[in-house]
Protein backbone atom coordinates (compact mmCIF):
# COMPACT_ATOMS: atom_id res chain seq x y z
CA MET A 1 11.44 -1.88 -18.45
CA THR A 2 14.42 -2.73 -16.23
CA PRO A 3 13.22 -3.81 -12.76
CA LEU A 4 14.23 -1.58 -9.88
CA ILE A 5 14.51 -4.59 -7.57
CA THR A 6 14.99 -8.24 -8.49
CA ILE A 7 14.91 -10.99 -5.87
CA GLU A 8 16.01 -14.45 -7.02
CA ASN A 9 15.85 -17.76 -5.13
CA LEU A 10 16.05 -15.99 -1.77
CA ALA A 11 16.13 -18.20 1.33
CA VAL A 12 16.58 -17.43 5.00
CA GLU A 13 17.39 -19.98 7.71
CA LEU A 14 17.30 -18.96 11.36
CA GLN A 15 18.23 -21.32 14.21
CA SER A 16 18.17 -24.29 11.82
CA LYS A 17 14.63 -23.42 10.72
CA LEU A 18 13.85 -22.44 7.11
CA ILE A 19 11.88 -19.18 7.31
CA LEU A 20 11.98 -18.14 3.62
CA SER A 21 12.40 -20.45 0.65
CA GLN A 22 12.78 -19.85 -3.10
CA VAL A 23 11.43 -16.30 -3.04
CA ASP A 24 11.40 -14.69 -6.50
CA LEU A 25 10.05 -11.16 -6.97
CA SER A 26 10.68 -8.14 -9.17
CA LEU A 27 9.30 -4.61 -9.17
CA SER A 28 9.65 -1.74 -11.62
CA LYS A 29 10.35 1.84 -10.56
CA GLY A 30 7.30 3.36 -8.90
CA GLU A 31 5.42 0.10 -8.34
CA ILE A 32 3.83 -0.66 -4.97
CA LEU A 33 3.62 -4.28 -3.80
CA GLY A 34 1.33 -5.51 -1.02
CA LEU A 35 2.76 -8.52 0.80
CA VAL A 36 0.05 -10.64 2.46
CA GLY A 37 -0.22 -14.02 4.14
CA PRO A 38 -1.03 -15.65 7.48
CA SER A 39 0.92 -14.77 10.62
CA GLY A 40 4.31 -16.45 10.68
CA CYS A 41 4.54 -16.95 6.91
CA GLY A 42 7.70 -14.81 6.58
CA LYS A 43 6.42 -11.39 5.46
CA THR A 44 8.30 -9.29 8.02
CA THR A 45 11.35 -11.55 7.70
CA LEU A 46 11.42 -10.79 3.97
CA LEU A 47 11.35 -7.03 4.64
CA SER A 48 14.08 -7.34 7.27
CA THR A 49 16.22 -9.40 4.87
CA LEU A 50 15.85 -6.82 2.10
CA ALA A 51 16.73 -4.05 4.56
CA GLY A 52 19.83 -5.93 5.72
CA PHE A 53 18.77 -6.60 9.32
CA ILE A 54 18.71 -10.36 8.65
CA GLY A 55 21.23 -12.16 6.43
CA GLN A 56 20.05 -14.36 3.58
CA SER A 57 21.15 -18.00 3.38
CA THR A 58 20.98 -18.28 -0.42
CA GLY A 59 19.87 -16.21 -3.37
CA SER A 60 20.48 -12.66 -4.52
CA ILE A 61 18.94 -9.19 -4.28
CA GLU A 62 19.60 -6.62 -7.02
CA ILE A 63 18.64 -2.95 -6.71
CA ASN A 64 18.99 -0.70 -9.74
CA THR A 65 19.33 2.84 -8.37
CA GLY A 66 19.71 4.34 -11.84
CA ASP A 67 23.28 5.40 -11.06
CA LYS A 68 24.53 1.96 -10.12
CA LEU A 69 23.49 -1.66 -9.67
CA ILE A 70 23.59 -2.86 -6.06
CA LYS A 71 23.91 -6.65 -5.86
CA ILE A 72 23.56 -8.38 -2.50
CA THR A 73 24.69 -12.01 -2.30
CA LEU A 74 25.94 -14.40 0.35
CA ASP A 75 29.51 -13.43 -0.63
CA ASP A 76 28.81 -9.71 -0.63
CA MET A 77 26.34 -8.95 2.17
CA LEU A 78 26.04 -5.18 2.17
CA PRO A 79 25.18 -3.51 5.50
CA PRO A 80 21.81 -1.73 5.73
CA GLU A 81 23.26 1.77 5.29
CA GLN A 82 24.73 0.85 1.89
CA ARG A 83 21.56 -0.62 0.37
CA ASN A 84 19.71 2.63 -0.38
CA ILE A 85 16.56 1.21 1.24
CA GLY A 86 14.25 3.01 3.66
CA MET A 87 12.08 1.20 6.19
CA ILE A 88 9.05 2.26 8.23
CA PHE A 89 8.30 0.03 11.20
CA GLN A 90 4.87 -0.88 12.52
CA ASP A 91 5.26 1.36 15.59
CA TYR A 92 7.05 4.04 13.47
CA ALA A 93 10.12 3.86 15.81
CA LEU A 94 10.40 7.65 16.13
CA PHE A 95 12.95 8.95 18.59
CA PRO A 96 10.89 10.31 21.52
CA HIS A 97 13.55 12.82 22.64
CA LEU A 98 13.86 14.40 19.16
CA THR A 99 11.54 16.91 17.50
CA VAL A 100 9.86 16.25 14.16
CA THR A 101 12.64 18.16 12.38
CA GLU A 102 15.38 16.28 14.25
CA ASN A 103 13.74 12.94 13.53
CA ILE A 104 13.59 13.70 9.81
CA CYS A 105 17.23 14.84 9.69
CA PHE A 106 18.54 11.91 11.73
CA GLY A 107 19.73 9.90 8.72
CA LEU A 108 21.25 12.85 6.84
CA LYS A 109 24.66 13.04 8.53
CA LYS A 110 26.55 12.68 5.24
CA ILE A 111 25.30 15.94 3.74
CA THR A 112 25.88 19.53 4.90
CA LYS A 113 23.67 21.30 7.44
CA VAL A 114 22.38 23.59 4.68
CA GLU A 115 21.38 20.60 2.53
CA GLN A 116 19.81 18.91 5.55
CA ALA A 117 17.67 21.95 6.30
CA GLN A 118 16.62 22.28 2.66
CA ARG A 119 15.63 18.63 2.33
CA CYS A 120 13.80 18.69 5.66
CA GLU A 121 11.86 21.81 4.64
CA GLU A 122 10.82 20.13 1.38
CA LEU A 123 9.54 17.05 3.23
CA LEU A 124 7.75 19.10 5.90
CA THR A 125 5.91 20.92 3.14
CA LEU A 126 5.25 17.78 1.08
CA LEU A 127 3.76 15.93 4.06
CA GLU A 128 2.01 18.97 5.53
CA LEU A 129 4.05 18.93 8.73
CA ASN A 130 5.32 22.53 8.82
CA GLU A 131 3.23 23.52 11.83
CA LEU A 132 4.43 20.44 13.73
CA ALA A 133 8.15 20.86 13.05
CA GLN A 134 9.13 21.56 16.67
CA ARG A 135 6.79 19.08 18.35
CA TYR A 136 7.84 15.78 19.88
CA PRO A 137 6.34 12.40 18.90
CA HIS A 138 4.14 12.16 22.01
CA GLN A 139 2.49 15.44 20.98
CA LEU A 140 1.36 13.98 17.62
CA SER A 141 -1.62 11.89 16.56
CA GLY A 142 -1.13 8.46 14.99
CA GLY A 143 -1.59 9.83 11.49
CA GLN A 144 0.88 12.66 12.15
CA GLN A 145 3.45 10.20 13.54
CA GLN A 146 3.03 8.12 10.41
CA ARG A 147 3.75 11.14 8.22
CA VAL A 148 6.90 11.92 10.22
CA ALA A 149 8.06 8.29 9.86
CA ILE A 150 7.54 8.50 6.10
CA ALA A 151 9.39 11.83 5.89
CA ARG A 152 12.32 10.38 7.86
CA ALA A 153 12.43 7.31 5.58
CA LEU A 154 12.29 9.46 2.43
CA ALA A 155 14.92 11.97 3.59
CA PRO A 156 17.95 9.90 2.40
CA GLN A 157 16.15 9.50 -0.96
CA PRO A 158 16.01 5.67 -0.98
CA SER A 159 15.42 3.63 -4.13
CA LEU A 160 13.09 1.29 -2.26
CA LEU A 161 10.74 1.93 0.66
CA LEU A 162 9.68 -0.92 2.99
CA LEU A 163 6.63 -0.54 5.24
CA ASP A 164 5.70 -3.07 7.93
CA GLU A 165 1.93 -2.90 8.54
CA PRO A 166 1.98 0.90 8.17
CA PHE A 167 -1.77 1.40 8.69
CA SER A 168 -2.43 -0.97 11.61
CA ASN A 169 -2.18 1.79 14.25
CA ILE A 170 -4.40 4.24 12.40
CA ASP A 171 -8.02 4.87 13.36
CA ALA A 172 -10.35 3.06 10.94
CA ARG A 173 -12.03 6.32 9.92
CA LEU A 174 -8.73 7.88 8.80
CA ARG A 175 -7.09 4.74 7.37
CA ASN A 176 -8.58 4.85 3.88
CA GLU A 177 -7.96 8.59 3.52
CA LEU A 178 -4.32 8.21 4.61
CA MET A 179 -3.75 5.25 2.29
CA ILE A 180 -4.95 7.23 -0.72
CA GLU A 181 -2.91 10.27 0.34
CA ILE A 182 0.32 8.30 0.85
CA ARG A 183 -0.16 6.30 -2.34
CA GLN A 184 -0.48 9.56 -4.29
CA LEU A 185 2.70 10.84 -2.60
CA LEU A 186 4.70 7.70 -3.48
CA LYS A 187 3.43 7.84 -7.06
CA ARG A 188 4.34 11.52 -7.37
CA LEU A 189 7.87 10.78 -6.15
CA GLU A 190 8.10 7.53 -8.18
CA ILE A 191 9.06 5.61 -5.06
CA THR A 192 9.04 1.82 -5.31
CA ALA A 193 7.53 0.31 -2.18
CA ILE A 194 6.78 -3.03 -0.54
CA PHE A 195 4.36 -3.08 2.37
CA VAL A 196 3.20 -5.85 4.69
CA THR A 197 -0.45 -6.12 5.67
CA HIS A 198 -2.98 -8.65 6.96
CA ASN A 199 -5.82 -6.74 5.34
CA LYS A 200 -6.57 -7.50 1.69
CA ASP A 201 -8.72 -4.34 1.45
CA GLU A 202 -5.58 -2.27 2.10
CA VAL A 203 -3.94 -3.96 -0.90
CA PHE A 204 -6.79 -2.95 -3.21
CA THR A 205 -6.55 0.67 -2.04
CA PHE A 206 -2.79 1.04 -1.80
CA ALA A 207 -0.99 -1.47 -4.06
CA ASP A 208 -0.39 -2.10 -7.76
CA LYS A 209 0.51 -5.73 -7.12
CA ILE A 210 -0.18 -8.34 -4.48
CA ALA A 211 2.10 -11.20 -3.41
CA VAL A 212 0.52 -13.95 -1.32
CA MET A 213 2.91 -15.82 0.97
CA HIS A 214 2.47 -19.18 2.71
CA GLN A 215 5.01 -21.02 4.85
CA GLY A 216 7.93 -18.91 3.65
CA GLN A 217 7.14 -19.05 -0.06
CA VAL A 218 5.48 -16.64 -2.48
CA LEU A 219 2.55 -18.57 -3.96
CA GLN A 220 1.20 -15.97 -6.39
CA VAL A 221 2.03 -12.45 -7.59
CA GLY A 222 -0.09 -10.20 -9.79
CA ALA A 223 -2.61 -7.38 -9.96
CA PRO A 224 -4.92 -7.66 -6.93
CA ALA A 225 -8.08 -8.03 -9.03
CA LEU A 226 -6.51 -10.74 -11.19
CA VAL A 227 -5.24 -12.76 -8.22
CA CYS A 228 -8.69 -12.60 -6.61
CA GLN A 229 -10.35 -13.73 -9.85
CA GLN A 230 -7.83 -16.49 -10.56
CA PRO A 231 -6.21 -17.76 -7.34
CA ASN A 232 -3.71 -20.47 -8.26
CA SER A 233 -4.14 -22.53 -5.08
CA TRP A 234 -6.59 -23.08 -2.25
CA GLN A 235 -4.13 -21.38 0.15
CA VAL A 236 -4.36 -18.15 -1.86
CA ALA A 237 -8.16 -18.31 -2.11
CA ASP A 238 -8.49 -19.22 1.57
CA PHE A 239 -6.27 -16.43 2.88
CA LEU A 240 -7.96 -13.81 0.70
CA GLN A 241 -11.35 -15.09 1.94
CA LEU A 242 -12.74 -15.25 -1.57
CA GLY A 243 -15.61 -17.51 -0.54
CA SER A 244 -16.60 -20.56 1.46
CA TRP A 245 -15.41 -24.13 0.98
CA LEU A 246 -17.88 -26.81 -0.14
CA PRO A 247 -16.62 -30.43 -0.16
CA VAL A 248 -17.40 -32.17 -3.46
CA MET A 249 -16.36 -35.32 -5.27
CA PHE A 250 -16.46 -36.58 -8.82
CA SER A 251 -19.14 -39.19 -9.40
CA ALA A 252 -19.59 -41.23 -12.56
CA THR A 253 -22.98 -41.26 -14.29
CA GLU A 254 -23.97 -43.45 -17.20
CA ASN A 255 -22.64 -41.09 -19.85
CA SER A 256 -20.41 -38.59 -18.07
CA LEU A 257 -18.88 -37.31 -14.87
CA ALA A 258 -20.52 -34.94 -12.43
CA LEU A 259 -19.55 -33.26 -9.18
CA SER A 260 -21.71 -34.23 -6.24
CA SER A 261 -22.21 -32.31 -2.99
CA LEU A 262 -24.73 -32.15 -0.19
CA ILE A 263 -26.49 -29.23 -1.90
CA GLY A 264 -26.71 -30.80 -5.35
CA ALA A 265 -24.70 -31.84 -8.38
CA LEU A 266 -22.60 -29.64 -10.62
CA ALA A 267 -21.73 -30.29 -14.25
CA PRO A 268 -17.97 -30.23 -15.01
CA HIS A 269 -18.41 -27.50 -17.66
CA ARG A 270 -19.32 -25.09 -14.85
CA ILE A 271 -15.83 -25.49 -13.33
CA LYS A 272 -13.38 -22.91 -14.70
CA ASN A 273 -10.26 -24.92 -13.87
CA ILE A 274 -11.70 -28.38 -14.57
CA GLY A 275 -8.78 -29.29 -16.87
CA ALA A 276 -6.39 -29.40 -13.93
CA CYS A 277 -8.72 -31.65 -11.90
CA LYS A 278 -10.08 -34.23 -14.34
CA ASN A 279 -7.30 -36.75 -13.76
CA ALA A 280 -8.19 -37.05 -10.08
CA VAL A 281 -11.50 -38.86 -10.50
CA LEU A 282 -13.17 -40.06 -7.27
CA THR A 283 -10.84 -37.90 -5.18
CA ASN A 284 -12.39 -35.38 -2.79
CA PHE A 285 -12.16 -31.69 -3.67
CA GLN A 286 -13.12 -28.33 -2.24
CA LEU A 287 -15.28 -26.04 -4.34
CA LEU A 288 -14.84 -22.30 -3.82
CA VAL A 289 -18.35 -20.93 -3.36
CA LYS A 290 -19.13 -17.22 -3.17
CA PRO A 291 -22.28 -16.05 -1.34
CA SER A 292 -23.73 -14.92 -4.68
CA ASP A 293 -23.41 -18.52 -5.95
CA ILE A 294 -26.04 -19.74 -3.45
CA VAL A 295 -29.81 -19.36 -3.88
CA LEU A 296 -32.81 -20.68 -1.99
CA SER A 297 -34.53 -23.62 -3.65
CA SER A 298 -38.30 -24.06 -3.71
CA HIS A 299 -38.27 -27.65 -5.00
CA GLU A 300 -35.45 -29.29 -3.02
CA ALA A 301 -35.66 -30.83 0.44
CA ASN A 302 -34.07 -28.87 3.28
CA ASN A 303 -30.32 -29.49 3.29
CA VAL A 304 -28.80 -26.85 5.60
CA ILE A 305 -29.31 -25.35 9.05
CA ILE A 306 -28.59 -21.76 10.12
CA GLU A 307 -25.76 -21.69 12.67
CA HIS A 308 -25.16 -17.91 12.87
CA ILE A 309 -26.90 -14.69 11.83
CA GLY A 310 -25.21 -11.33 11.29
CA VAL A 311 -26.42 -8.00 9.87
CA THR A 312 -24.44 -6.27 7.09
CA GLU A 313 -24.94 -3.68 4.36
CA GLN A 314 -25.76 -6.57 2.01
CA GLY A 315 -28.59 -7.82 4.22
CA TYR A 316 -28.62 -10.67 6.69
CA HIS A 317 -25.46 -12.78 6.70
CA TYR A 318 -25.98 -16.46 7.48
CA LEU A 319 -23.44 -19.18 8.21
CA LEU A 320 -24.87 -22.54 7.20
CA SER A 321 -24.01 -26.13 8.07
CA SER A 322 -25.15 -29.24 6.23
CA LEU A 323 -27.98 -31.16 7.85
CA GLU A 324 -26.11 -34.36 7.11
CA GLN A 325 -22.86 -34.53 9.10
CA ASN A 326 -21.82 -38.20 9.03
CA THR A 327 -20.11 -37.96 5.64
CA THR A 328 -16.90 -36.65 4.11
CA LEU A 329 -19.05 -34.14 2.17
CA ALA A 330 -20.36 -32.49 5.37
CA PHE A 331 -19.66 -28.77 5.71
CA SER A 332 -20.04 -25.80 8.05
CA GLN A 333 -19.49 -22.03 7.81
CA LEU A 334 -21.02 -21.77 4.32
CA SER A 335 -21.66 -18.06 3.81
CA PHE A 336 -25.02 -16.88 2.45
CA TYR A 337 -26.70 -13.44 2.25
CA SER A 338 -30.41 -12.73 2.06
CA GLN A 339 -32.74 -9.77 2.56
CA GLU A 340 -35.15 -12.17 4.27
CA LEU A 341 -34.87 -12.79 8.02
CA PHE A 342 -34.82 -16.44 9.12
CA MET A 343 -34.60 -17.80 12.63
CA LEU A 344 -31.40 -19.17 14.15
CA GLY A 345 -31.55 -22.96 13.81
CA ALA A 346 -34.00 -22.83 10.91
CA GLU A 347 -33.59 -25.39 8.14
CA LEU A 348 -33.39 -24.20 4.52
CA ALA A 349 -33.10 -25.70 1.06
CA ILE A 350 -30.32 -24.15 -1.03
CA GLN A 351 -28.66 -24.87 -4.37
CA LEU A 352 -25.76 -23.59 -6.48
CA LYS A 353 -26.26 -21.19 -9.35
CA GLY A 354 -23.91 -19.59 -11.89
CA GLU A 355 -20.82 -20.71 -13.78
CA HIS A 356 -17.04 -20.34 -13.48
CA PHE A 357 -16.53 -22.14 -10.16
CA LEU A 358 -13.01 -22.94 -8.97
CA LEU A 359 -12.06 -26.39 -7.68
CA TYR A 360 -9.08 -27.48 -5.59
CA PRO A 361 -7.92 -30.88 -4.33
CA THR A 362 -8.46 -31.46 -0.61
């Protein structure tokens, strides 16, 4: 299938600082991409560059509208209005002095009044805004304002829709419902979309793909479940909060190698990505440990202390630190769940269970 948008080797430099570097992405018609990463990693800059508000320094952007191929390069930097891209800002950026209808029609100056009215009516019906058509933005709830912003962005019939943290201003109770509703709308209209979020749960609800960014680069792209199961770097695993970090190191035994930690040893065959790590013998590593990988031990000496206790749907949530701290293998903030209530400051004995651990160099 021919991609609707192809981004190749995109870089952006602002005030002599490299903000984006070597960004490569492609999306097919109708796909929704969730763009995640820590604050300042370049997510919003990427959206603004695609929209044409910021100029790229190198690389190219191709948009296949079906009727024509739009190619944006350093030599041919198309203005925003010629890119066939719609954008929804975090605060929705609705015009406060215009009604819902006037906001939706704002970008439709190139078509006749009759066509404007027809398209507006279709969007009002599609987004269930008919009864709000003559209201002003301040008379709308956050969810209603979001619908108006989407209608206004869809009115010019863009090939690509960009959304900058579209759900951050929505009440938590309504957020999931709205995400499902808007996803269904975009799928029905076969709209390709890229949205920025800090919340990985939003990606699982709303997106077909996830792209994890770090320091201006895209580290990994793929289906959300696959990226979470197989993060290709510690930065990806750390941002997605896939578990806790346990310092380990390879140690040689008489016949083989093992991984040692302050909560016990681990055989190399239990490490899913051991092939990529074997050449770094005696180097320190971080083991990605999920709460379900930790169990209480009845035959080991106490090796951790409880630093924090929380209550969740999964039971009591404990953050554990190693009893031994004067070593490079010391740790804190190790996450552990139990149905049993222990006291803050209590000492416990824990060990690792299971297979398929992931290991990353420090």
